[in-house]
């Protein structure tokens, strides 16, 4: 249960970070960064 909460919190923070960064016009770098982090979270 605790592990699930931690994972969900990481994902939420990550998504918010990606959305915020996406608005900052660093599109390619942010996209690569987000993709890499998502892969790490999933695996």
PDB file of N, CA and C in Angstrom:
ATOM      1  N   UNK A   1       0.839  -1.209   0.000  1.00  0.00           N
ATOM      2  CA  UNK A   1       0.000   0.000   0.000  1.00  0.00           C
ATOM      3  C   UNK A   1       0.867   1.250   0.000  1.00  0.00           C
ATOM      4  N   UNK A   2       1.844   1.276   0.894  1.00  0.00           N
ATOM      5  CA  UNK A   2       2.740   2.429   0.971  1.00  0.00           C
ATOM      6  C   UNK A   2       3.499   2.603  -0.344  1.00  0.00           C
ATOM      7  N   UNK A   3       3.958   1.492  -0.918  1.00  0.00           N
ATOM      8  CA  UNK A   3       4.693   1.565  -2.182  1.00  0.00           C
ATOM      9  C   UNK A   3       3.828   2.185  -3.278  1.00  0.00           C
ATOM     10  N   UNK A   4       2.566   1.809  -3.312  1.00  0.00           N
ATOM     11  CA  UNK A   4       1.659   2.351  -4.323  1.00  0.00           C
ATOM     12  C   UNK A   4       1.512   3.854  -4.163  1.00  0.00           C
ATOM     13  N   UNK A   5       1.377   4.318  -2.936  1.00  0.00           N
ATOM     14  CA  UNK A   5       1.236   5.751  -2.668  1.00  0.00           C
ATOM     15  C   UNK A   5       2.481   6.500  -3.125  1.00  0.00           C
ATOM     16  N   UNK A   6       3.639   5.943  -2.823  1.00  0.00           N
ATOM     17  CA  UNK A   6       4.898   6.584  -3.230  1.00  0.00           C
ATOM     18  C   UNK A   6       4.997   6.659  -4.755  1.00  0.00           C
ATOM     19  N   UNK A   7       4.661   5.577  -5.419  1.00  0.00           N
ATOM     20  CA  UNK A   7       4.725   5.555  -6.882  1.00  0.00           C
ATOM     21  C   UNK A   7       3.751   6.572  -7.471  1.00  0.00           C
ATOM     22  N   UNK A   8       2.536   6.594  -6.952  1.00  0.00           N
ATOM     23  CA  UNK A   8       1.548   7.555  -7.454  1.00  0.00           C
ATOM     24  C   UNK A   8       2.020   8.982  -7.236  1.00  0.00           C
ATOM     25  N   UNK A   9       2.599   9.238  -6.082  1.00  0.00           N
ATOM     26  CA  UNK A   9       3.095  10.583  -5.790  1.00  0.00           C
ATOM     27  C   UNK A   9       4.202  10.958  -6.770  1.00  0.00           C
ATOM     28  N   UNK A  10       5.110  10.030  -7.040  1.00  0.00           N
ATOM     29  CA  UNK A  10       6.189  10.304  -8.002  1.00  0.00           C
ATOM     30  C   UNK A  10       5.618  10.624  -9.374  1.00  0.00           C
ATOM     31  N   UNK A  11       4.634   9.834  -9.796  1.00  0.00           N
ATOM     32  CA  UNK A  11       4.039  10.048 -11.117  1.00  0.00           C
ATOM     33  C   UNK A  11       3.349  11.400 -11.185  1.00  0.00           C
ATOM     34  N   UNK A  12       2.593  11.749 -10.141  1.00  0.00           N
ATOM     35  CA  UNK A  12       1.886  13.030 -10.128  1.00  0.00           C
ATOM     36  C   UNK A  12       2.880  14.187 -10.193  1.00  0.00           C
ATOM     37  N   UNK A  13       3.905  14.138  -9.358  1.00  0.00           N
ATOM     38  CA  UNK A  13       4.921  15.194  -9.359  1.00  0.00           C
ATOM     39  C   UNK A  13       5.597  15.267 -10.726  1.00  0.00           C
ATOM     40  N   UNK A  14       5.880  14.110 -11.285  1.00  0.00           N
ATOM     41  CA  UNK A  14       6.542  14.049 -12.583  1.00  0.00           C
ATOM     42  C   UNK A  14       5.683  14.661 -13.681  1.00  0.00           C
ATOM     43  N   UNK A  15       4.408  14.323 -13.684  1.00  0.00           N
ATOM     44  CA  UNK A  15       3.504  14.865 -14.696  1.00  0.00           C
ATOM     45  C   UNK A  15       3.389  16.384 -14.560  1.00  0.00           C
ATOM     46  N   UNK A  16       3.257  16.855 -13.333  1.00  0.00           N
ATOM     47  CA  UNK A  16       3.183  18.297 -13.113  1.00  0.00           C
ATOM     48  C   UNK A  16       4.457  18.982 -13.588  1.00  0.00           C
ATOM     49  N   UNK A  17       5.589  18.356 -13.291  1.00  0.00           N
ATOM     50  CA  UNK A  17       6.872  18.910 -13.723  1.00  0.00           C
ATOM     51  C   UNK A  17       6.938  18.980 -15.249  1.00  0.00           C
ATOM     52  N   UNK A  18       6.495  17.926 -15.893  1.00  0.00           N
ATOM     53  CA  UNK A  18       6.531  17.888 -17.355  1.00  0.00           C
ATOM     54  C   UNK A  18       5.629  18.963 -17.940  1.00  0.00           C
ATOM     55  N   UNK A  19       4.445  19.119 -17.370  1.00  0.00           N
ATOM     56  CA  UNK A  19       3.525  20.133 -17.879  1.00  0.00           C
ATOM     57  C   UNK A  19       4.114  21.530 -17.692  1.00  0.00           C
ATOM     58  N   UNK A  20       4.691  21.768 -16.531  1.00  0.00           N
ATOM     59  CA  UNK A  20       5.295  23.067 -16.256  1.00  0.00           C
ATOM     60  C   UNK A  20       6.458  23.320 -17.216  1.00  0.00           C
ATOM     61  N   UNK A  21       7.307  22.339 -17.386  1.00  0.00           N
ATOM     62  CA  UNK A  21       8.469  22.476 -18.259  1.00  0.00           C
ATOM     63  C   UNK A  21       8.042  22.628 -19.712  1.00  0.00           C
ATOM     64  N   UNK A  22       6.985  21.936 -20.075  1.00  0.00           N
ATOM     65  CA  UNK A  22       6.476  22.007 -21.443  1.00  0.00           C
ATOM     66  C   UNK A  22       6.109  23.447 -21.785  1.00  0.00           C
ATOM     67  N   UNK A  23       5.576  24.168 -20.821  1.00  0.00           N
ATOM     68  CA  UNK A  23       5.201  25.564 -21.043  1.00  0.00           C
ATOM     69  C   UNK A  23       6.428  26.460 -21.139  1.00  0.00           C
ATOM     70  N   UNK A  24       7.579  25.955 -20.727  1.00  0.00           N
ATOM     71  CA  UNK A  24       8.796  26.764 -20.719  1.00  0.00           C
ATOM     72  C   UNK A  24       9.579  26.707 -22.030  1.00  0.00           C
ATOM     73  N   UNK A  25       9.006  26.070 -23.055  1.00  0.00           N
ATOM     74  CA  UNK A  25       9.574  26.087 -24.400  1.00  0.00           C
ATOM     75  C   UNK A  25      10.885  25.309 -24.558  1.00  0.00           C
ATOM     76  N   UNK A  26      11.157  24.394 -23.653  1.00  0.00           N
ATOM     77  CA  UNK A  26      12.338  23.542 -23.834  1.00  0.00           C
ATOM     78  C   UNK A  26      11.851  22.196 -24.371  1.00  0.00           C
ATOM     79  N   UNK A  27      11.106  22.278 -25.444  1.00  0.00           N
ATOM     80  CA  UNK A  27      10.301  21.133 -25.868  1.00  0.00           C
ATOM     81  C   UNK A  27      11.092  19.843 -26.026  1.00  0.00           C
ATOM     82  N   UNK A  28      12.114  19.831 -26.869  1.00  0.00           N
ATOM     83  CA  UNK A  28      12.814  18.576 -27.154  1.00  0.00           C
ATOM     84  C   UNK A  28      13.504  18.026 -25.910  1.00  0.00           C
ATOM     85  N   UNK A  29      14.167  18.893 -25.158  1.00  0.00           N
ATOM     86  CA  UNK A  29      14.870  18.429 -23.958  1.00  0.00           C
ATOM     87  C   UNK A  29      13.888  17.886 -22.936  1.00  0.00           C
ATOM     88  N   UNK A  30      12.802  18.597 -22.735  1.00  0.00           N
ATOM     89  CA  UNK A  30      11.801  18.167 -21.761  1.00  0.00           C
ATOM     90  C   UNK A  30      11.167  16.854 -22.190  1.00  0.00           C
ATOM     91  N   UNK A  31      10.861  16.734 -23.464  1.00  0.00           N
ATOM     92  CA  UNK A  31      10.249  15.506 -23.960  1.00  0.00           C
ATOM     93  C   UNK A  31      11.167  14.314 -23.724  1.00  0.00           C
ATOM     94  N   UNK A  32      12.434  14.469 -24.035  1.00  0.00           N
ATOM     95  CA  UNK A  32      13.391  13.383 -23.816  1.00  0.00           C
ATOM     96  C   UNK A  32      13.510  13.055 -22.336  1.00  0.00           C
ATOM     97  N   UNK A  33      13.575  14.080 -21.512  1.00  0.00           N
ATOM     98  CA  UNK A  33      13.703  13.891 -20.071  1.00  0.00           C
ATOM     99  C   UNK A  33      12.482  13.160 -19.522  1.00  0.00           C
ATOM    100  N   UNK A  34      11.299  13.630 -19.894  1.00  0.00           N
ATOM    101  CA  UNK A  34      10.062  13.020 -19.410  1.00  0.00           C
ATOM    102  C   UNK A  34       9.971  11.569 -19.869  1.00  0.00           C
ATOM    103  N   UNK A  35      10.315  11.327 -21.108  1.00  0.00           N
ATOM    104  CA  UNK A  35      10.248   9.969 -21.640  1.00  0.00           C
ATOM    105  C   UNK A  35      11.173   9.041 -20.866  1.00  0.00           C
ATOM    106  N   UNK A  36      12.396   9.498 -20.602  1.00  0.00           N
ATOM    107  CA  UNK A  36      13.361   8.683 -19.867  1.00  0.00           C
ATOM    108  C   UNK A  36      12.875   8.391 -18.458  1.00  0.00           C
ATOM    109  N   UNK A  37      12.346   9.399 -17.774  1.00  0.00           N
ATOM    110  CA  UNK A  37      11.871   9.208 -16.403  1.00  0.00           C
ATOM    111  C   UNK A  37      10.673   8.266 -16.392  1.00  0.00           C
ATOM    112  N   UNK A  38       9.762   8.424 -17.339  1.00  0.00           N
ATOM    113  CA  UNK A  38       8.603   7.537 -17.401  1.00  0.00           C
ATOM    114  C   UNK A  38       9.042   6.092 -17.581  1.00  0.00           C
ATOM    115  N   UNK A  39      10.025   5.881 -18.423  1.00  0.00           N
ATOM    116  CA  UNK A  39      10.536   4.527 -18.637  1.00  0.00           C
ATOM    117  C   UNK A  39      11.113   3.970 -17.336  1.00  0.00           C
ATOM    118  N   UNK A  40      11.812   4.797 -16.587  1.00  0.00           N
ATOM    119  CA  UNK A  40      12.391   4.348 -15.328  1.00  0.00           C
ATOM    120  C   UNK A  40      11.296   4.009 -14.327  1.00  0.00           C
ATOM    121  N   UNK A  41      10.236   4.817 -14.281  1.00  0.00           N
ATOM    122  CA  UNK A  41       9.137   4.563 -13.342  1.00  0.00           C
ATOM    123  C   UNK A  41       8.434   3.257 -13.710  1.00  0.00           C
ATOM    124  N   UNK A  42       8.169   3.083 -14.998  1.00  0.00           N
ATOM    125  CA  UNK A  42       7.445   1.888 -15.445  1.00  0.00           C
ATOM    126  C   UNK A  42       8.263   0.624 -15.198  1.00  0.00           C
ATOM    127  N   UNK A  43       9.548   0.701 -15.472  1.00  0.00           N
ATOM    128  CA  UNK A  43      10.405  -0.481 -15.312  1.00  0.00           C
ATOM    129  C   UNK A  43      10.964  -0.545 -13.907  1.00  0.00           C
TER     130      UNK A  43
END
